[in-house]
Amino acid sequence: MQRFILVAAISGLAACSKPAGSTINETSWEYIEDGKPMQESIDAKGNYIKTSGAEHIDHGTVVMKDGKACFTSAMTKQEEICWTDPKLDVGASGETVSDTGEKLAIKRIPYVAKTM
């Protein structure tokens, strides 16, 4: 769950590399969590959905705080978790780090709108 939040945070942070006034909204990311491929998308309202193939893994909200993407799951009781901004363009790969020191390799992909 934290990793998908991390991916969302990373996507949010990557969006921050755009001109001032941009947001993390309408970004998508791919990464591997527990050996499974994950895809995470953040919509125009700051809601994220994380999937693995056709399986719904998690969803919640994400906001930018102090240059980090901070995720709050609607499915778990876990507290908000924030991830660093890798400042990636679409198609680029990089690494993000959580406030707890967890590292995650991610790839920014073209925005994919998701629904529950």
PDB file of N, CA and C in Angstrom:
ATOM      1  N   MET A   1       0.826  -1.174   0.000  1.00  0.00           N
ATOM      2  CA  MET A   1       0.000   0.000   0.000  1.00  0.00           C
ATOM      3  C   MET A   1       0.881   1.252   0.000  1.00  0.00           C
ATOM      4  N   GLN A   2       1.942   1.238   0.771  1.00  0.00           N
ATOM      5  CA  GLN A   2       2.805   2.404   0.839  1.00  0.00           C
ATOM      6  C   GLN A   2       3.478   2.643  -0.500  1.00  0.00           C
ATOM      7  N   ARG A   3       3.813   1.593  -1.205  1.00  0.00           N
ATOM      8  CA  ARG A   3       4.508   1.769  -2.466  1.00  0.00           C
ATOM      9  C   ARG A   3       3.605   2.397  -3.505  1.00  0.00           C
ATOM     10  N   PHE A   4       2.342   2.023  -3.520  1.00  0.00           N
ATOM     11  CA  PHE A   4       1.461   2.621  -4.507  1.00  0.00           C
ATOM     12  C   PHE A   4       1.284   4.078  -4.167  1.00  0.00           C
ATOM     13  N   ILE A   5       1.272   4.390  -2.919  1.00  0.00           N
ATOM     14  CA  ILE A   5       1.187   5.774  -2.492  1.00  0.00           C
ATOM     15  C   ILE A   5       2.452   6.488  -2.915  1.00  0.00           C
ATOM     16  N   LEU A   6       3.541   5.797  -2.820  1.00  0.00           N
ATOM     17  CA  LEU A   6       4.807   6.376  -3.232  1.00  0.00           C
ATOM     18  C   LEU A   6       4.772   6.702  -4.696  1.00  0.00           C
ATOM     19  N   VAL A   7       4.257   5.810  -5.482  1.00  0.00           N
ATOM     20  CA  VAL A   7       4.189   6.033  -6.918  1.00  0.00           C
ATOM     21  C   VAL A   7       3.318   7.238  -7.210  1.00  0.00           C
ATOM     22  N   ALA A   8       2.223   7.309  -6.556  1.00  0.00           N
ATOM     23  CA  ALA A   8       1.334   8.450  -6.749  1.00  0.00           C
ATOM     24  C   ALA A   8       2.046   9.726  -6.337  1.00  0.00           C
ATOM     25  N   ALA A   9       2.756   9.674  -5.255  1.00  0.00           N
ATOM     26  CA  ALA A   9       3.481  10.836  -4.797  1.00  0.00           C
ATOM     27  C   ALA A   9       4.530  11.230  -5.794  1.00  0.00           C
ATOM     28  N   ILE A  10       5.180  10.271  -6.330  1.00  0.00           N
ATOM     29  CA  ILE A  10       6.213  10.540  -7.315  1.00  0.00           C
ATOM     30  C   ILE A  10       5.603  11.183  -8.530  1.00  0.00           C
ATOM     31  N   SER A  11       4.466  10.667  -8.944  1.00  0.00           N
ATOM     32  CA  SER A  11       3.815  11.250 -10.104  1.00  0.00           C
ATOM     33  C   SER A  11       3.417  12.671  -9.808  1.00  0.00           C
ATOM     34  N   GLY A  12       2.984  12.908  -8.607  1.00  0.00           N
ATOM     35  CA  GLY A  12       2.619  14.258  -8.224  1.00  0.00           C
ATOM     36  C   GLY A  12       3.830  15.157  -8.242  1.00  0.00           C
ATOM     37  N   LEU A  13       4.904  14.670  -7.748  1.00  0.00           N
ATOM     38  CA  LEU A  13       6.122  15.451  -7.714  1.00  0.00           C
ATOM     39  C   LEU A  13       6.658  15.693  -9.110  1.00  0.00           C
ATOM     40  N   ALA A  14       6.550  14.737  -9.972  1.00  0.00           N
ATOM     41  CA  ALA A  14       7.012  14.904 -11.339  1.00  0.00           C
ATOM     42  C   ALA A  14       6.213  15.994 -12.014  1.00  0.00           C
ATOM     43  N   ALA A  15       4.960  16.055 -11.738  1.00  0.00           N
ATOM     44  CA  ALA A  15       4.124  17.102 -12.308  1.00  0.00           C
ATOM     45  C   ALA A  15       4.580  18.462 -11.810  1.00  0.00           C
ATOM     46  N   CYS A  16       5.182  18.495 -10.648  1.00  0.00           N
ATOM     47  CA  CYS A  16       5.665  19.752 -10.086  1.00  0.00           C
ATOM     48  C   CYS A  16       6.851  20.294 -10.866  1.00  0.00           C
ATOM     49  N   SER A  17       7.486  19.485 -11.697  1.00  0.00           N
ATOM     50  CA  SER A  17       8.615  19.944 -12.486  1.00  0.00           C
ATOM     51  C   SER A  17       8.149  20.769 -13.672  1.00  0.00           C
ATOM     52  N   LYS A  18       6.841  20.872 -13.856  1.00  0.00           N
ATOM     53  CA  LYS A  18       6.270  21.689 -14.917  1.00  0.00           C
ATOM     54  C   LYS A  18       6.283  23.142 -14.453  1.00  0.00           C
ATOM     55  N   PRO A  19       5.922  24.073 -15.335  1.00  0.00           N
ATOM     56  CA  PRO A  19       5.899  25.485 -14.954  1.00  0.00           C
ATOM     57  C   PRO A  19       5.044  25.726 -13.708  1.00  0.00           C
ATOM     58  N   ALA A  20       5.314  26.841 -13.035  1.00  0.00           N
ATOM     59  CA  ALA A  20       4.582  27.179 -11.811  1.00  0.00           C
ATOM     60  C   ALA A  20       3.083  27.092 -12.034  1.00  0.00           C
ATOM     61  N   GLY A  21       2.382  26.686 -10.994  1.00  0.00           N
ATOM     62  CA  GLY A  21       0.939  26.573 -11.082  1.00  0.00           C
ATOM     63  C   GLY A  21       0.489  25.178 -11.465  1.00  0.00           C
ATOM     64  N   SER A  22       1.403  24.314 -11.837  1.00  0.00           N
ATOM     65  CA  SER A  22       1.028  22.955 -12.204  1.00  0.00           C
ATOM     66  C   SER A  22       0.765  22.145 -10.938  1.00  0.00           C
ATOM     67  N   THR A  23       0.157  20.995 -11.122  1.00  0.00           N
ATOM     68  CA  THR A  23      -0.155  20.135  -9.986  1.00  0.00           C
ATOM     69  C   THR A  23       0.273  18.716 -10.307  1.00  0.00           C
ATOM     70  N   ILE A  24       0.048  17.827  -9.369  1.00  0.00           N
ATOM     71  CA  ILE A  24       0.330  16.414  -9.594  1.00  0.00           C
ATOM     72  C   ILE A  24      -0.837  15.737 -10.285  1.00  0.00           C
ATOM     73  N   ASN A  25      -1.882  16.496 -10.488  1.00  0.00           N
ATOM     74  CA  ASN A  25      -3.092  15.934 -11.069  1.00  0.00           C
ATOM     75  C   ASN A  25      -2.880  15.495 -12.513  1.00  0.00           C
ATOM     76  N   GLU A  26      -3.634  14.480 -12.903  1.00  0.00           N
ATOM     77  CA  GLU A  26      -3.599  13.897 -14.239  1.00  0.00           C
ATOM     78  C   GLU A  26      -2.208  13.390 -14.606  1.00  0.00           C
ATOM     79  N   THR A  27      -1.625  12.603 -13.685  1.00  0.00           N
ATOM     80  CA  THR A  27      -0.366  11.910 -13.947  1.00  0.00           C
ATOM     81  C   THR A  27      -0.552  10.424 -13.655  1.00  0.00           C
ATOM     82  N   SER A  28       0.257   9.599 -14.317  1.00  0.00           N
ATOM     83  CA  SER A  28       0.217   8.143 -14.102  1.00  0.00           C
ATOM     84  C   SER A  28       1.629   7.610 -13.976  1.00  0.00           C
ATOM     85  N   TRP A  29       1.760   6.498 -13.229  1.00  0.00           N
ATOM     86  CA  TRP A  29       3.061   5.919 -12.907  1.00  0.00           C
ATOM     87  C   TRP A  29       2.985   4.404 -12.920  1.00  0.00           C
ATOM     88  N   GLU A  30       4.139   3.778 -13.196  1.00  0.00           N
ATOM     89  CA  GLU A  30       4.264   2.318 -13.124  1.00  0.00           C
ATOM     90  C   GLU A  30       5.414   1.981 -12.195  1.00  0.00           C
ATOM     91  N   TYR A  31       5.268   0.866 -11.478  1.00  0.00           N
ATOM     92  CA  TYR A  31       6.331   0.375 -10.601  1.00  0.00           C
ATOM     93  C   TYR A  31       6.018  -1.062 -10.222  1.00  0.00           C
ATOM     94  N   ILE A  32       6.976  -1.697  -9.545  1.00  0.00           N
ATOM     95  CA  ILE A  32       6.814  -3.077  -9.078  1.00  0.00           C
ATOM     96  C   ILE A  32       6.682  -3.050  -7.557  1.00  0.00           C
ATOM     97  N   GLU A  33       5.644  -3.732  -7.045  1.00  0.00           N
ATOM     98  CA  GLU A  33       5.441  -3.829  -5.601  1.00  0.00           C
ATOM     99  C   GLU A  33       5.191  -5.285  -5.254  1.00  0.00           C
ATOM    100  N   ASP A  34       6.000  -5.825  -4.368  1.00  0.00           N
ATOM    101  CA  ASP A  34       5.874  -7.230  -3.963  1.00  0.00           C
ATOM    102  C   ASP A  34       5.874  -8.160  -5.176  1.00  0.00           C
ATOM    103  N   GLY A  35       6.702  -7.838  -6.167  1.00  0.00           N
ATOM    104  CA  GLY A  35       6.837  -8.668  -7.361  1.00  0.00           C
ATOM    105  C   GLY A  35       5.725  -8.512  -8.382  1.00  0.00           C
ATOM    106  N   LYS A  36       4.762  -7.618  -8.128  1.00  0.00           N
ATOM    107  CA  LYS A  36       3.635  -7.426  -9.038  1.00  0.00           C
ATOM    108  C   LYS A  36       3.722  -6.056  -9.706  1.00  0.00           C
ATOM    109  N   PRO A  37       3.445  -5.981 -11.020  1.00  0.00           N
ATOM    110  CA  PRO A  37       3.431  -4.679 -11.693  1.00  0.00           C
ATOM    111  C   PRO A  37       2.235  -3.853 -11.216  1.00  0.00           C
ATOM    112  N   MET A  38       2.473  -2.595 -10.908  1.00  0.00           N
ATOM    113  CA  MET A  38       1.424  -1.681 -10.446  1.00  0.00           C
ATOM    114  C   MET A  38       1.331  -0.493 -11.390  1.00  0.00           C
ATOM    115  N   GLN A  39       0.128   0.055 -11.492  1.00  0.00           N
ATOM    116  CA  GLN A  39      -0.085   1.292 -12.228  1.00  0.00           C
ATOM    117  C   GLN A  39      -0.927   2.196 -11.330  1.00  0.00           C
ATOM    118  N   GLU A  40      -0.497   3.430 -11.200  1.00  0.00           N
ATOM    119  CA  GLU A  40      -1.202   4.377 -10.342  1.00  0.00           C
ATOM    120  C   GLU A  40      -1.472   5.648 -11.124  1.00  0.00           C
ATOM    121  N   SER A  41      -2.697   6.152 -11.009  1.00  0.00           N
ATOM    122  CA  SER A  41      -3.093   7.386 -11.686  1.00  0.00           C
ATOM    123  C   SER A  41      -3.721   8.342 -10.688  1.00  0.00           C
ATOM    124  N   ILE A  42      -3.428   9.642 -10.884  1.00  0.00           N
ATOM    125  CA  ILE A  42      -4.001  10.707 -10.065  1.00  0.00           C
ATOM    126  C   ILE A  42      -4.870  11.550 -10.985  1.00  0.00           C
ATOM    127  N   ASP A  43      -6.152  11.699 -10.635  1.00  0.00           N
ATOM    128  CA  ASP A  43      -7.066  12.430 -11.517  1.00  0.00           C
ATOM    129  C   ASP A  43      -6.996  13.941 -11.284  1.00  0.00           C
ATOM    130  N   ALA A  44      -7.844  14.686 -11.999  1.00  0.00           N
ATOM    131  CA  ALA A  44      -7.833  16.146 -11.941  1.00  0.00           C
ATOM    132  C   ALA A  44      -8.206  16.701 -10.571  1.00  0.00           C
ATOM    133  N   LYS A  45      -8.859  15.907  -9.738  1.00  0.00           N
ATOM    134  CA  LYS A  45      -9.283  16.362  -8.411  1.00  0.00           C
ATOM    135  C   LYS A  45      -8.344  15.914  -7.292  1.00  0.00           C
ATOM    136  N   GLY A  46      -7.240  15.225  -7.639  1.00  0.00           N
ATOM    137  CA  GLY A  46      -6.297  14.764  -6.626  1.00  0.00           C
ATOM    138  C   GLY A  46      -6.645  13.424  -6.008  1.00  0.00           C
ATOM    139  N   ASN A  47      -7.481  12.648  -6.683  1.00  0.00           N
ATOM    140  CA  ASN A  47      -7.806  11.292  -6.233  1.00  0.00           C
ATOM    141  C   ASN A  47      -6.910  10.310  -6.971  1.00  0.00           C
ATOM    142  N   TYR A  48      -6.395   9.312  -6.263  1.00  0.00           N
ATOM    143  CA  TYR A  48      -5.568   8.315  -6.939  1.00  0.00           C
ATOM    144  C   TYR A  48      -6.244   6.951  -6.902  1.00  0.00           C
ATOM    145  N   ILE A  49      -5.923   6.163  -7.918  1.00  0.00           N
ATOM    146  CA  ILE A  49      -6.354   4.765  -7.973  1.00  0.00           C
ATOM    147  C   ILE A  49      -5.132   3.951  -8.358  1.00  0.00           C
ATOM    148  N   LYS A  50      -4.901   2.864  -7.615  1.00  0.00           N
ATOM    149  CA  LYS A  50      -3.766   1.970  -7.874  1.00  0.00           C
ATOM    150  C   LYS A  50      -4.325   0.619  -8.281  1.00  0.00           C
ATOM    151  N   THR A  51      -3.797   0.082  -9.402  1.00  0.00           N
ATOM    152  CA  THR A  51      -4.242  -1.219  -9.896  1.00  0.00           C
ATOM    153  C   THR A  51      -3.043  -2.086 -10.242  1.00  0.00           C
ATOM    154  N   SER A  52      -3.311  -3.393 -10.309  1.00  0.00           N
ATOM    155  CA  SER A  52      -2.346  -4.359 -10.834  1.00  0.00           C
ATOM    156  C   SER A  52      -3.139  -5.181 -11.835  1.00  0.00           C
ATOM    157  N   GLY A  53      -2.920  -4.912 -13.120  1.00  0.00           N
ATOM    158  CA  GLY A  53      -3.755  -5.531 -14.140  1.00  0.00           C
ATOM    159  C   GLY A  53      -5.180  -5.048 -13.951  1.00  0.00           C
ATOM    160  N   ALA A  54      -6.143  -5.967 -13.871  1.00  0.00           N
ATOM    161  CA  ALA A  54      -7.553  -5.612 -13.671  1.00  0.00           C
ATOM    162  C   ALA A  54      -7.923  -5.515 -12.189  1.00  0.00           C
ATOM    163  N   GLU A  55      -6.977  -5.812 -11.289  1.00  0.00           N
ATOM    164  CA  GLU A  55      -7.264  -5.820  -9.851  1.00  0.00           C
ATOM    165  C   GLU A  55      -7.113  -4.433  -9.219  1.00  0.00           C
ATOM    166  N   HIS A  56      -8.149  -3.969  -8.534  1.00  0.00           N
ATOM    167  CA  HIS A  56      -8.120  -2.710  -7.793  1.00  0.00           C
ATOM    168  C   HIS A  56      -7.334  -2.957  -6.503  1.00  0.00           C
ATOM    169  N   ILE A  57      -6.233  -2.228  -6.327  1.00  0.00           N
ATOM    170  CA  ILE A  57      -5.372  -2.421  -5.159  1.00  0.00           C
ATOM    171  C   ILE A  57      -5.667  -1.391  -4.067  1.00  0.00           C
ATOM    172  N   ASP A  58      -5.802  -0.123  -4.456  1.00  0.00           N
ATOM    173  CA  ASP A  58      -5.996   0.930  -3.464  1.00  0.00           C
ATOM    174  C   ASP A  58      -6.517   2.187  -4.151  1.00  0.00           C
ATOM    175  N   HIS A  59      -7.048   3.099  -3.332  1.00  0.00           N
ATOM    176  CA  HIS A  59      -7.448   4.415  -3.815  1.00  0.00           C
ATOM    177  C   HIS A  59      -7.469   5.370  -2.630  1.00  0.00           C
ATOM    178  N   GLY A  60      -7.419   6.671  -2.937  1.00  0.00           N
ATOM    179  CA  GLY A  60      -7.429   7.682  -1.891  1.00  0.00           C
ATOM    180  C   GLY A  60      -7.163   9.049  -2.476  1.00  0.00           C
ATOM    181  N   THR A  61      -6.524   9.915  -1.688  1.00  0.00           N
ATOM    182  CA  THR A  61      -6.231  11.278  -2.135  1.00  0.00           C
ATOM    183  C   THR A  61      -4.741  11.558  -2.028  1.00  0.00           C
ATOM    184  N   VAL A  62      -4.290  12.536  -2.823  1.00  0.00           N
ATOM    185  CA  VAL A  62      -2.890  12.952  -2.793  1.00  0.00           C
ATOM    186  C   VAL A  62      -2.828  14.474  -2.894  1.00  0.00           C
ATOM    187  N   VAL A  63      -1.942  15.069  -2.087  1.00  0.00           N
ATOM    188  CA  VAL A  63      -1.712  16.514  -2.107  1.00  0.00           C
ATOM    189  C   VAL A  63      -0.208  16.765  -2.060  1.00  0.00           C
ATOM    190  N   MET A  64       0.211  17.919  -2.563  1.00  0.00           N
ATOM    191  CA  MET A  64       1.610  18.311  -2.490  1.00  0.00           C
ATOM    192  C   MET A  64       1.835  19.090  -1.199  1.00  0.00           C
ATOM    193  N   LYS A  65       2.896  18.720  -0.471  1.00  0.00           N
ATOM    194  CA  LYS A  65       3.287  19.406   0.762  1.00  0.00           C
ATOM    195  C   LYS A  65       4.801  19.519   0.784  1.00  0.00           C
ATOM    196  N   ASP A  66       5.293  20.728   0.863  1.00  0.00           N
ATOM    197  CA  ASP A  66       6.738  20.952   0.957  1.00  0.00           C
ATOM    198  C   ASP A  66       7.496  20.231  -0.147  1.00  0.00           C
ATOM    199  N   GLY A  67       6.954  20.242  -1.376  1.00  0.00           N
ATOM    200  CA  GLY A  67       7.631  19.627  -2.506  1.00  0.00           C
ATOM    201  C   GLY A  67       7.560  18.112  -2.540  1.00  0.00           C
ATOM    202  N   LYS A  68       6.714  17.522  -1.715  1.00  0.00           N
ATOM    203  CA  LYS A  68       6.545  16.065  -1.700  1.00  0.00           C
ATOM    204  C   LYS A  68       5.092  15.729  -1.990  1.00  0.00           C
ATOM    205  N   ALA A  69       4.874  14.576  -2.607  1.00  0.00           N
ATOM    206  CA  ALA A  69       3.519  14.087  -2.847  1.00  0.00           C
ATOM    207  C   ALA A  69       3.108  13.256  -1.638  1.00  0.00           C
ATOM    208  N   CYS A  70       2.003  13.632  -1.017  1.00  0.00           N
ATOM    209  CA  CYS A  70       1.550  12.976   0.216  1.00  0.00           C
ATOM    210  C   CYS A  70       0.223  12.273  -0.024  1.00  0.00           C
ATOM    211  N   PHE A  71       0.210  10.964   0.189  1.00  0.00           N
ATOM    212  CA  PHE A  71      -0.932  10.107  -0.101  1.00  0.00           C
ATOM    213  C   PHE A  71      -1.657   9.666   1.163  1.00  0.00           C
ATOM    214  N   THR A  72      -2.969   9.655   1.081  1.00  0.00           N
ATOM    215  CA  THR A  72      -3.805   9.141   2.161  1.00  0.00           C
ATOM    216  C   THR A  72      -4.758   8.114   1.561  1.00  0.00           C
ATOM    217  N   SER A  73      -4.643   6.871   1.982  1.00  0.00           N
ATOM    218  CA  SER A  73      -5.479   5.788   1.468  1.00  0.00           C
ATOM    219  C   SER A  73      -6.880   5.856   2.062  1.00  0.00           C
ATOM    220  N   ALA A  74      -7.884   5.586   1.230  1.00  0.00           N
ATOM    221  CA  ALA A  74      -9.267   5.480   1.701  1.00  0.00           C
ATOM    222  C   ALA A  74      -9.580   4.041   2.101  1.00  0.00           C
ATOM    223  N   MET A  75      -8.641   3.129   1.860  1.00  0.00           N
ATOM    224  CA  MET A  75      -8.880   1.707   2.103  1.00  0.00           C
ATOM    225  C   MET A  75      -8.174   1.174   3.342  1.00  0.00           C
ATOM    226  N   THR A  76      -7.220   1.918   3.877  1.00  0.00           N
ATOM    227  CA  THR A  76      -6.473   1.447   5.043  1.00  0.00           C
ATOM    228  C   THR A  76      -6.516   2.494   6.148  1.00  0.00           C
ATOM    229  N   LYS A  77      -6.065   2.118   7.312  1.00  0.00           N
ATOM    230  CA  LYS A  77      -5.993   3.047   8.440  1.00  0.00           C
ATOM    231  C   LYS A  77      -4.605   3.659   8.547  1.00  0.00           C
ATOM    232  N   GLN A  78      -3.773   3.392   7.555  1.00  0.00           N
ATOM    233  CA  GLN A  78      -2.411   3.901   7.561  1.00  0.00           C
ATOM    234  C   GLN A  78      -2.423   5.427   7.457  1.00  0.00           C
ATOM    235  N   GLU A  79      -1.519   6.068   8.163  1.00  0.00           N
ATOM    236  CA  GLU A  79      -1.411   7.520   8.107  1.00  0.00           C
ATOM    237  C   GLU A  79      -0.879   7.957   6.754  1.00  0.00           C
ATOM    238  N   GLU A  80      -0.999   9.241   6.485  1.00  0.00           N
ATOM    239  CA  GLU A  80      -0.473   9.835   5.256  1.00  0.00           C
ATOM    240  C   GLU A  80       1.004   9.481   5.104  1.00  0.00           C
ATOM    241  N   ILE A  81       1.411   9.221   3.862  1.00  0.00           N
ATOM    242  CA  ILE A  81       2.822   8.963   3.577  1.00  0.00           C
ATOM    243  C   ILE A  81       3.238   9.855   2.417  1.00  0.00           C
ATOM    244  N   CYS A  82       4.419  10.461   2.545  1.00  0.00           N
ATOM    245  CA  CYS A  82       4.908  11.404   1.543  1.00  0.00           C
ATOM    246  C   CYS A  82       6.149  10.851   0.845  1.00  0.00           C
ATOM    247  N   TRP A  83       6.285  11.199  -0.450  1.00  0.00           N
ATOM    248  CA  TRP A  83       7.387  10.724  -1.286  1.00  0.00           C
ATOM    249  C   TRP A  83       8.064  11.908  -1.970  1.00  0.00           C
ATOM    250  N   THR A  84       9.365  11.780  -2.196  1.00  0.00           N
ATOM    251  CA  THR A  84      10.121  12.840  -2.863  1.00  0.00           C
ATOM    252  C   THR A  84       9.735  12.952  -4.329  1.00  0.00           C
ATOM    253  N   ASP A  85      10.068  14.098  -4.918  1.00  0.00           N
ATOM    254  CA  ASP A  85       9.774  14.376  -6.322  1.00  0.00           C
ATOM    255  C   ASP A  85      10.966  14.005  -7.200  1.00  0.00           C
ATOM    256  N   PRO A  86      10.819  12.987  -8.059  1.00  0.00           N
ATOM    257  CA  PRO A  86      11.919  12.608  -8.945  1.00  0.00           C
ATOM    258  C   PRO A  86      12.003  13.493 -10.177  1.00  0.00           C
ATOM    259  N   LYS A  87      11.020  14.383 -10.398  1.00  0.00           N
ATOM    260  CA  LYS A  87      11.001  15.326 -11.520  1.00  0.00           C
ATOM    261  C   LYS A  87      11.199  14.615 -12.846  1.00  0.00           C
ATOM    262  N   LEU A  88      10.309  13.684 -13.140  1.00  0.00           N
ATOM    263  CA  LEU A  88      10.406  12.885 -14.362  1.00  0.00           C
ATOM    264  C   LEU A  88       9.437  13.353 -15.433  1.00  0.00           C
ATOM    265  N   ASP A  89       9.908  13.337 -16.673  1.00  0.00           N
ATOM    266  CA  ASP A  89       9.042  13.572 -17.822  1.00  0.00           C
ATOM    267  C   ASP A  89       8.368  12.258 -18.179  1.00  0.00           C
ATOM    268  N   VAL A  90       7.293  12.330 -18.950  1.00  0.00           N
ATOM    269  CA  VAL A  90       6.615  11.117 -19.409  1.00  0.00           C
ATOM    270  C   VAL A  90       7.617  10.244 -20.165  1.00  0.00           C
ATOM    271  N   GLY A  91       7.667   8.963 -19.828  1.00  0.00           N
ATOM    272  CA  GLY A  91       8.581   8.014 -20.457  1.00  0.00           C
ATOM    273  C   GLY A  91       9.881   7.818 -19.697  1.00  0.00           C
ATOM    274  N   ALA A  92      10.166   8.688 -18.740  1.00  0.00           N
ATOM    275  CA  ALA A  92      11.417   8.597 -17.977  1.00  0.00           C
ATOM    276  C   ALA A  92      11.224   7.756 -16.714  1.00  0.00           C
ATOM    277  N   SER A  93      12.326   7.157 -16.255  1.00  0.00           N
ATOM    278  CA  SER A  93      12.325   6.352 -15.031  1.00  0.00           C
ATOM    279  C   SER A  93      13.208   7.017 -13.990  1.00  0.00           C
ATOM    280  N   GLY A  94      12.939   6.729 -12.729  1.00  0.00           N
ATOM    281  CA  GLY A  94      13.734   7.293 -11.653  1.00  0.00           C
ATOM    282  C   GLY A  94      13.417   6.616 -10.341  1.00  0.00           C
ATOM    283  N   GLU A  95      13.794   7.282  -9.259  1.00  0.00           N
ATOM    284  CA  GLU A  95      13.577   6.726  -7.926  1.00  0.00           C
ATOM    285  C   GLU A  95      12.951   7.788  -7.031  1.00  0.00           C
ATOM    286  N   THR A  96      12.073   7.345  -6.157  1.00  0.00           N
ATOM    287  CA  THR A  96      11.475   8.213  -5.157  1.00  0.00           C
ATOM    288  C   THR A  96      11.741   7.599  -3.788  1.00  0.00           C
ATOM    289  N   VAL A  97      11.752   8.454  -2.774  1.00  0.00           N
ATOM    290  CA  VAL A  97      12.053   8.001  -1.415  1.00  0.00           C
ATOM    291  C   VAL A  97      10.953   8.510  -0.479  1.00  0.00           C
ATOM    292  N   SER A  98      10.451   7.613   0.361  1.00  0.00           N
ATOM    293  CA  SER A  98       9.394   7.985   1.310  1.00  0.00           C
ATOM    294  C   SER A  98       9.992   8.675   2.530  1.00  0.00           C
ATOM    295  N   ASP A  99       9.123   9.266   3.331  1.00  0.00           N
ATOM    296  CA  ASP A  99       9.564   9.893   4.579  1.00  0.00           C
ATOM    297  C   ASP A  99      10.195   8.886   5.533  1.00  0.00           C
ATOM    298  N   THR A 100       9.886   7.590   5.352  1.00  0.00           N
ATOM    299  CA  THR A 100      10.466   6.553   6.208  1.00  0.00           C
ATOM    300  C   THR A 100      11.742   5.959   5.619  1.00  0.00           C
ATOM    301  N   GLY A 101      12.180   6.480   4.448  1.00  0.00           N
ATOM    302  CA  GLY A 101      13.414   6.014   3.830  1.00  0.00           C
ATOM    303  C   GLY A 101      13.253   4.908   2.809  1.00  0.00           C
ATOM    304  N   GLU A 102      12.036   4.456   2.566  1.00  0.00           N
ATOM    305  CA  GLU A 102      11.802   3.410   1.563  1.00  0.00           C
ATOM    306  C   GLU A 102      12.050   3.978   0.168  1.00  0.00           C
ATOM    307  N   LYS A 103      12.785   3.231  -0.653  1.00  0.00           N
ATOM    308  CA  LYS A 103      13.083   3.656  -2.022  1.00  0.00           C
ATOM    309  C   LYS A 103      12.242   2.852  -2.993  1.00  0.00           C
ATOM    310  N   LEU A 104      11.805   3.511  -4.074  1.00  0.00           N
ATOM    311  CA  LEU A 104      10.980   2.845  -5.071  1.00  0.00           C
ATOM    312  C   LEU A 104      11.354   3.329  -6.459  1.00  0.00           C
ATOM    313  N   ALA A 105      11.669   2.369  -7.352  1.00  0.00           N
ATOM    314  CA  ALA A 105      11.929   2.692  -8.756  1.00  0.00           C
ATOM    315  C   ALA A 105      10.585   2.873  -9.444  1.00  0.00           C
ATOM    316  N   ILE A 106      10.445   3.982 -10.180  1.00  0.00           N
ATOM    317  CA  ILE A 106       9.179   4.279 -10.840  1.00  0.00           C
ATOM    318  C   ILE A 106       9.407   4.719 -12.281  1.00  0.00           C
ATOM    319  N   LYS A 107       8.335   4.684 -13.066  1.00  0.00           N
ATOM    320  CA  LYS A 107       8.370   5.185 -14.437  1.00  0.00           C
ATOM    321  C   LYS A 107       7.120   6.009 -14.656  1.00  0.00           C
ATOM    322  N   ARG A 108       7.305   7.222 -15.170  1.00  0.00           N
ATOM    323  CA  ARG A 108       6.148   8.054 -15.493  1.00  0.00           C
ATOM    324  C   ARG A 108       5.640   7.647 -16.870  1.00  0.00           C
ATOM    325  N   ILE A 109       4.339   7.470 -16.982  1.00  0.00           N
ATOM    326  CA  ILE A 109       3.716   7.075 -18.247  1.00  0.00           C
ATOM    327  C   ILE A 109       2.654   8.113 -18.609  1.00  0.00           C
ATOM    328  N   PRO A 110       2.185   8.111 -19.865  1.00  0.00           N
ATOM    329  CA  PRO A 110       1.102   9.032 -20.224  1.00  0.00           C
ATOM    330  C   PRO A 110      -0.099   8.804 -19.306  1.00  0.00           C
ATOM    331  N   TYR A 111      -0.820   9.870 -18.998  1.00  0.00           N
ATOM    332  CA  TYR A 111      -1.952   9.788 -18.074  1.00  0.00           C
ATOM    333  C   TYR A 111      -2.985   8.776 -18.553  1.00  0.00           C
ATOM    334  N   VAL A 112      -3.403   7.916 -17.627  1.00  0.00           N
ATOM    335  CA  VAL A 112      -4.433   6.905 -17.871  1.00  0.00           C
ATOM    336  C   VAL A 112      -5.563   7.171 -16.875  1.00  0.00           C
ATOM    337  N   ALA A 113      -6.724   7.611 -17.368  1.00  0.00           N
ATOM    338  CA  ALA A 113      -7.866   7.852 -16.481  1.00  0.00           C
ATOM    339  C   ALA A 113      -8.370   6.510 -15.955  1.00  0.00           C
ATOM    340  N   LYS A 114      -8.589   6.423 -14.650  1.00  0.00           N
ATOM    341  CA  LYS A 114      -9.072   5.177 -14.034  1.00  0.00           C
ATOM    342  C   LYS A 114     -10.379   5.450 -13.298  1.00  0.00           C
ATOM    343  N   THR A 115     -11.219   4.427 -13.233  1.00  0.00           N
ATOM    344  CA  THR A 115     -12.460   4.528 -12.470  1.00  0.00           C
ATOM    345  C   THR A 115     -12.580   3.302 -11.577  1.00  0.00           C
ATOM    346  N   MET A 116     -13.365   3.436 -10.524  1.00  0.00           N
ATOM    347  CA  MET A 116     -13.558   2.316  -9.605  1.00  0.00           C
ATOM    348  C   MET A 116     -14.791   1.537  -9.996  1.00  0.00           C
TER     349      MET A 116
END
